[in-house]
Amino acid sequence: MTRVGGSGAGSARINTSVPNVARIYDYILGGKDNFAADRRAAQIHVRSTKEIERFFDGFEIIEPGVVWTADWRPDPATRPAGRPNSLYGGVGRKPGP
């Protein structure tokens, strides 16, 4: 455990041996606020869009499909600061009977 923010009432204890999604993202974007567990968890596997789509086999892919994650919120004010086209994702729905 590591204490963050000093030792007073406003401080917090975090377990630096457990990866945290925000710190993993910080590492991927080149930040400095991450720990060894976050860096290990951030090992990226480069895949094509077609390779990602196969994870959705058996699911109905919701529009806009498997795209750059920022395209799910196309408002320019909400776009992330990372490299364009660096993180793809999608949402799938299991078809009903």
Foldseek 3Di string as FASTA:
>chain_A
DDWPDDDDPPIDDDDLLAADPVQLVCVVQPHDPHHPNSVVVNDDDDDDLVVQCVVQVQWAWDPPGWAFVCVVVVPVVPRDPGDPPPDTDTDTHHDDD
